[in-house]
């Protein structure tokens, strides 16, 4: 009878211990997944805000084609503090520096710098594709329209 009691005790003890180990591992894995999800959410929000900021920034430029001004619908002003906050979140959350660097180029902070690159509306395409890569959305994407300059509201149905 002692042998059966010893075997049962060993089986029950190992079941309890393995159950506790499984519960601890599951808790650890769930905690890691939640942490990764929070980090991805922070990164996603910062990236989407960066695109909103660039839309407002591009709307503020005086664009021209062959010396002729291009019509652009204006957008609300975005305070510098919000732009800095977004940049900081990009730098903290992104794994690759290409997103914050593309954001910098779109802000055109290097104007007047002898080493600065030619600035065009196409600059935002690089930012979008860097964001797609950073967020794991796959390969680069191109569209026929680089940036929406204006909407002809007069012809829209109300």
C-alpha atoms as a PDB file:
ATOM      1  CA  UNK A   1       0.000   0.000   0.000  1.00  0.00           C
ATOM      2  CA  UNK A   2       2.936   2.339   0.701  1.00  0.00           C
ATOM      3  CA  UNK A   3       4.126   1.939  -2.881  1.00  0.00           C
ATOM      4  CA  UNK A   4       0.743   2.927  -4.321  1.00  0.00           C
ATOM      5  CA  UNK A   5       0.523   5.882  -1.931  1.00  0.00           C
ATOM      6  CA  UNK A   6       4.021   7.020  -2.902  1.00  0.00           C
ATOM      7  CA  UNK A   7       3.234   6.718  -6.622  1.00  0.00           C
ATOM      8  CA  UNK A   8      -0.043   8.625  -6.245  1.00  0.00           C
ATOM      9  CA  UNK A   9       1.679  11.344  -4.234  1.00  0.00           C
ATOM     10  CA  UNK A  10       4.410  11.647  -6.897  1.00  0.00           C
ATOM     11  CA  UNK A  11       1.849  11.804  -9.726  1.00  0.00           C
ATOM     12  CA  UNK A  12      -0.269  14.413  -7.934  1.00  0.00           C
ATOM     13  CA  UNK A  13       2.789  16.473  -6.965  1.00  0.00           C
ATOM     14  CA  UNK A  14       4.189  16.414 -10.515  1.00  0.00           C
ATOM     15  CA  UNK A  15       0.773  17.364 -11.908  1.00  0.00           C
ATOM     16  CA  UNK A  16       0.495  20.306  -9.522  1.00  0.00           C
ATOM     17  CA  UNK A  17       4.079  21.432 -10.204  1.00  0.00           C
ATOM     18  CA  UNK A  18       3.659  21.148 -13.984  1.00  0.00           C
ATOM     19  CA  UNK A  19       0.352  23.034 -13.710  1.00  0.00           C
ATOM     20  CA  UNK A  20       2.054  25.833 -11.773  1.00  0.00           C
ATOM     21  CA  UNK A  21       4.925  25.952 -14.288  1.00  0.00           C
ATOM     22  CA  UNK A  22       2.479  26.095 -17.209  1.00  0.00           C
ATOM     23  CA  UNK A  23       0.516  28.890 -15.506  1.00  0.00           C
ATOM     24  CA  UNK A  24       3.713  30.891 -14.896  1.00  0.00           C
ATOM     25  CA  UNK A  25       4.876  30.393 -18.495  1.00  0.00           C
ATOM     26  CA  UNK A  26       1.463  31.386 -19.867  1.00  0.00           C
ATOM     27  CA  UNK A  27       1.463  34.499 -17.705  1.00  0.00           C
ATOM     28  CA  UNK A  28       4.970  35.407 -18.889  1.00  0.00           C
ATOM     29  CA  UNK A  29       4.087  34.861 -22.555  1.00  0.00           C
ATOM     30  CA  UNK A  30       0.857  36.892 -22.211  1.00  0.00           C
ATOM     31  CA  UNK A  31       2.786  39.696 -20.501  1.00  0.00           C
ATOM     32  CA  UNK A  32       5.367  39.739 -23.332  1.00  0.00           C
ATOM     33  CA  UNK A  33       2.622  39.778 -25.963  1.00  0.00           C
ATOM     34  CA  UNK A  34       0.831  42.665 -24.238  1.00  0.00           C
ATOM     35  CA  UNK A  35       4.103  44.597 -23.965  1.00  0.00           C
ATOM     36  CA  UNK A  36       4.843  44.042 -27.639  1.00  0.00           C
ATOM     37  CA  UNK A  37       1.281  45.056 -28.567  1.00  0.00           C
ATOM     38  CA  UNK A  38       1.570  48.271 -26.501  1.00  0.00           C
ATOM     39  CA  UNK A  39       4.879  49.074 -28.171  1.00  0.00           C
ATOM     40  CA  UNK A  40       3.408  48.425 -31.641  1.00  0.00           C
ATOM     41  CA  UNK A  41       0.379  50.603 -30.810  1.00  0.00           C
ATOM     42  CA  UNK A  42       2.671  53.439 -29.669  1.00  0.00           C
ATOM     43  CA  UNK A  43       4.708  53.103 -32.861  1.00  0.00           C
ATOM     44  CA  UNK A  44       1.568  53.022 -35.037  1.00  0.00           C
ATOM     45  CA  UNK A  45       0.068  56.110 -33.383  1.00  0.00           C
ATOM     46  CA  UNK A  46       3.342  58.043 -33.716  1.00  0.00           C
ATOM     47  CA  UNK A  47       3.634  57.055 -37.394  1.00  0.00           C
ATOM     48  CA  UNK A  48       0.061  58.073 -38.209  1.00  0.00           C
ATOM     49  CA  UNK A  49       0.534  61.365 -36.369  1.00  0.00           C
ATOM     50  CA  UNK A  50       3.742  61.956 -38.347  1.00  0.00           C
ATOM     51  CA  UNK A  51       1.765  61.611 -41.583  1.00  0.00           C
ATOM     52  CA  UNK A  52      -0.872  64.072 -40.298  1.00  0.00           C
ATOM     53  CA  UNK A  53       1.873  66.540 -39.385  1.00  0.00           C
ATOM     54  CA  UNK A  54       3.467  66.229 -42.812  1.00  0.00           C
ATOM     55  CA  UNK A  55       0.098  66.817 -44.484  1.00  0.00           C
ATOM     56  CA  UNK A  56      -0.233  70.081 -42.552  1.00  0.00           C
ATOM     57  CA  UNK A  57       3.398  70.990 -43.246  1.00  0.00           C
ATOM     58  CA  UNK A  58       3.067  70.311 -46.975  1.00  0.00           C
ATOM     59  CA  UNK A  59      -0.122  72.405 -47.050  1.00  0.00           C
ATOM     60  CA  UNK A  60       1.914  75.309 -45.650  1.00  0.00           C
ATOM     61  CA  UNK A  61       4.552  75.247 -48.421  1.00  0.00           C
ATOM     62  CA  UNK A  62       4.325  77.406 -51.510  1.00  0.00           C
ATOM     63  CA  UNK A  63       4.602  74.717 -54.174  1.00  0.00           C
ATOM     64  CA  UNK A  64       5.206  75.552 -57.808  1.00  0.00           C
ATOM     65  CA  UNK A  65       5.695  73.779 -61.099  1.00  0.00           C
ATOM     66  CA  UNK A  66       7.925  75.447 -63.694  1.00  0.00           C
ATOM     67  CA  UNK A  67       7.612  78.697 -61.750  1.00  0.00           C
ATOM     68  CA  UNK A  68       3.799  78.591 -61.656  1.00  0.00           C
ATOM     69  CA  UNK A  69       2.231  78.364 -58.189  1.00  0.00           C
ATOM     70  CA  UNK A  70       0.307  75.151 -57.477  1.00  0.00           C
ATOM     71  CA  UNK A  71      -3.049  75.323 -55.706  1.00  0.00           C
ATOM     72  CA  UNK A  72      -2.990  73.668 -52.266  1.00  0.00           C
ATOM     73  CA  UNK A  73      -5.819  73.518 -49.719  1.00  0.00           C
ATOM     74  CA  UNK A  74      -4.627  74.911 -46.393  1.00  0.00           C
ATOM     75  CA  UNK A  75      -4.742  72.924 -43.172  1.00  0.00           C
ATOM     76  CA  UNK A  76      -4.733  73.784 -39.489  1.00  0.00           C
ATOM     77  CA  UNK A  77      -1.479  74.875 -37.878  1.00  0.00           C
ATOM     78  CA  UNK A  78       0.317  72.241 -35.787  1.00  0.00           C
ATOM     79  CA  UNK A  79       2.323  73.562 -32.818  1.00  0.00           C
ATOM     80  CA  UNK A  80       6.056  72.849 -32.715  1.00  0.00           C
ATOM     81  CA  UNK A  81       5.634  71.098 -29.358  1.00  0.00           C
ATOM     82  CA  UNK A  82       3.353  68.493 -30.968  1.00  0.00           C
ATOM     83  CA  UNK A  83       5.841  67.969 -33.819  1.00  0.00           C
ATOM     84  CA  UNK A  84       8.692  67.506 -31.317  1.00  0.00           C
ATOM     85  CA  UNK A  85       6.612  65.066 -29.277  1.00  0.00           C
ATOM     86  CA  UNK A  86       5.832  63.023 -32.375  1.00  0.00           C
ATOM     87  CA  UNK A  87       9.486  62.997 -33.429  1.00  0.00           C
ATOM     88  CA  UNK A  88      10.522  61.835 -29.947  1.00  0.00           C
ATOM     89  CA  UNK A  89       7.994  58.997 -30.027  1.00  0.00           C
ATOM     90  CA  UNK A  90       9.233  57.935 -33.473  1.00  0.00           C
ATOM     91  CA  UNK A  91      12.824  57.865 -32.257  1.00  0.00           C
ATOM     92  CA  UNK A  92      11.904  55.913 -29.111  1.00  0.00           C
ATOM     93  CA  UNK A  93       9.485  53.405 -30.671  1.00  0.00           C
ATOM     94  CA  UNK A  94      10.890  52.665 -34.137  1.00  0.00           C
ATOM     95  CA  UNK A  95      13.435  49.898 -34.640  1.00  0.00           C
ATOM     96  CA  UNK A  96      14.863  51.466 -37.801  1.00  0.00           C
ATOM     97  CA  UNK A  97      16.011  55.084 -38.075  1.00  0.00           C
ATOM     98  CA  UNK A  98      14.528  55.428 -41.573  1.00  0.00           C
ATOM     99  CA  UNK A  99      11.129  56.582 -40.233  1.00  0.00           C
ATOM    100  CA  UNK A 100      12.400  59.493 -38.095  1.00  0.00           C
ATOM    101  CA  UNK A 101      14.928  60.402 -40.811  1.00  0.00           C
ATOM    102  CA  UNK A 102      12.212  60.457 -43.491  1.00  0.00           C
ATOM    103  CA  UNK A 103      10.051  62.535 -41.146  1.00  0.00           C
ATOM    104  CA  UNK A 104      12.936  65.020 -40.800  1.00  0.00           C
ATOM    105  CA  UNK A 105      13.298  65.234 -44.594  1.00  0.00           C
ATOM    106  CA  UNK A 106       9.562  65.843 -45.021  1.00  0.00           C
ATOM    107  CA  UNK A 107       9.699  68.654 -42.462  1.00  0.00           C
ATOM    108  CA  UNK A 108      12.458  70.127 -44.648  1.00  0.00           C
ATOM    109  CA  UNK A 109      14.483  71.212 -41.623  1.00  0.00           C
ATOM    110  CA  UNK A 110      17.702  71.313 -43.640  1.00  0.00           C
ATOM    111  CA  UNK A 111      16.618  74.135 -45.940  1.00  0.00           C
ATOM    112  CA  UNK A 112      19.613  76.239 -46.880  1.00  0.00           C
ATOM    113  CA  UNK A 113      22.027  73.459 -45.946  1.00  0.00           C
ATOM    114  CA  UNK A 114      24.479  72.953 -48.810  1.00  0.00           C
ATOM    115  CA  UNK A 115      24.162  69.164 -48.421  1.00  0.00           C
ATOM    116  CA  UNK A 116      20.363  69.089 -48.394  1.00  0.00           C
ATOM    117  CA  UNK A 117      18.538  66.997 -50.969  1.00  0.00           C
ATOM    118  CA  UNK A 118      16.075  68.372 -53.506  1.00  0.00           C
ATOM    119  CA  UNK A 119      12.733  68.702 -51.734  1.00  0.00           C
ATOM    120  CA  UNK A 120       9.593  67.606 -53.617  1.00  0.00           C
ATOM    121  CA  UNK A 121       6.173  66.201 -52.827  1.00  0.00           C
ATOM    122  CA  UNK A 122       7.669  62.766 -53.567  1.00  0.00           C
ATOM    123  CA  UNK A 123       9.489  63.003 -50.232  1.00  0.00           C
ATOM    124  CA  UNK A 124       6.328  61.829 -48.448  1.00  0.00           C
ATOM    125  CA  UNK A 125       6.341  58.566 -50.435  1.00  0.00           C
ATOM    126  CA  UNK A 126       9.610  57.575 -48.754  1.00  0.00           C
ATOM    127  CA  UNK A 127       8.091  58.316 -45.341  1.00  0.00           C
ATOM    128  CA  UNK A 128       4.982  56.246 -46.074  1.00  0.00           C
ATOM    129  CA  UNK A 129       7.032  53.304 -47.300  1.00  0.00           C
ATOM    130  CA  UNK A 130       9.389  53.504 -44.307  1.00  0.00           C
ATOM    131  CA  UNK A 131       6.307  53.423 -42.052  1.00  0.00           C
ATOM    132  CA  UNK A 132       4.859  50.443 -43.964  1.00  0.00           C
ATOM    133  CA  UNK A 133       8.122  48.559 -43.440  1.00  0.00           C
ATOM    134  CA  UNK A 134       8.401  49.554 -39.768  1.00  0.00           C
ATOM    135  CA  UNK A 135       4.843  48.418 -39.013  1.00  0.00           C
ATOM    136  CA  UNK A 136       5.287  45.165 -40.937  1.00  0.00           C
ATOM    137  CA  UNK A 137       2.763  45.966 -43.680  1.00  0.00           C
ATOM    138  CA  UNK A 138       4.889  44.454 -46.417  1.00  0.00           C
ATOM    139  CA  UNK A 139       6.554  45.782 -49.506  1.00  0.00           C
ATOM    140  CA  UNK A 140       6.649  49.360 -50.756  1.00  0.00           C
ATOM    141  CA  UNK A 141       3.460  50.696 -52.250  1.00  0.00           C
ATOM    142  CA  UNK A 142       3.089  53.289 -54.962  1.00  0.00           C
ATOM    143  CA  UNK A 143       0.055  55.233 -56.098  1.00  0.00           C
ATOM    144  CA  UNK A 144      -0.676  57.468 -59.075  1.00  0.00           C
ATOM    145  CA  UNK A 145      -1.124  60.407 -56.720  1.00  0.00           C
ATOM    146  CA  UNK A 146       1.832  61.393 -54.538  1.00  0.00           C
ATOM    147  CA  UNK A 147       0.005  63.824 -52.237  1.00  0.00           C
ATOM    148  CA  UNK A 148      -3.512  65.281 -52.282  1.00  0.00           C
ATOM    149  CA  UNK A 149      -3.009  68.992 -52.964  1.00  0.00           C
ATOM    150  CA  UNK A 150      -6.634  70.078 -53.035  1.00  0.00           C
ATOM    151  CA  UNK A 151     -10.198  68.864 -53.411  1.00  0.00           C
ATOM    152  CA  UNK A 152     -12.498  70.509 -55.927  1.00  0.00           C
ATOM    153  CA  UNK A 153     -15.436  70.839 -53.531  1.00  0.00           C
ATOM    154  CA  UNK A 154     -17.521  72.907 -55.957  1.00  0.00           C
ATOM    155  CA  UNK A 155     -18.291  69.821 -58.004  1.00  0.00           C
ATOM    156  CA  UNK A 156     -18.930  67.452 -55.101  1.00  0.00           C
ATOM    157  CA  UNK A 157     -22.446  66.309 -54.222  1.00  0.00           C
ATOM    158  CA  UNK A 158     -23.582  67.665 -50.895  1.00  0.00           C
END
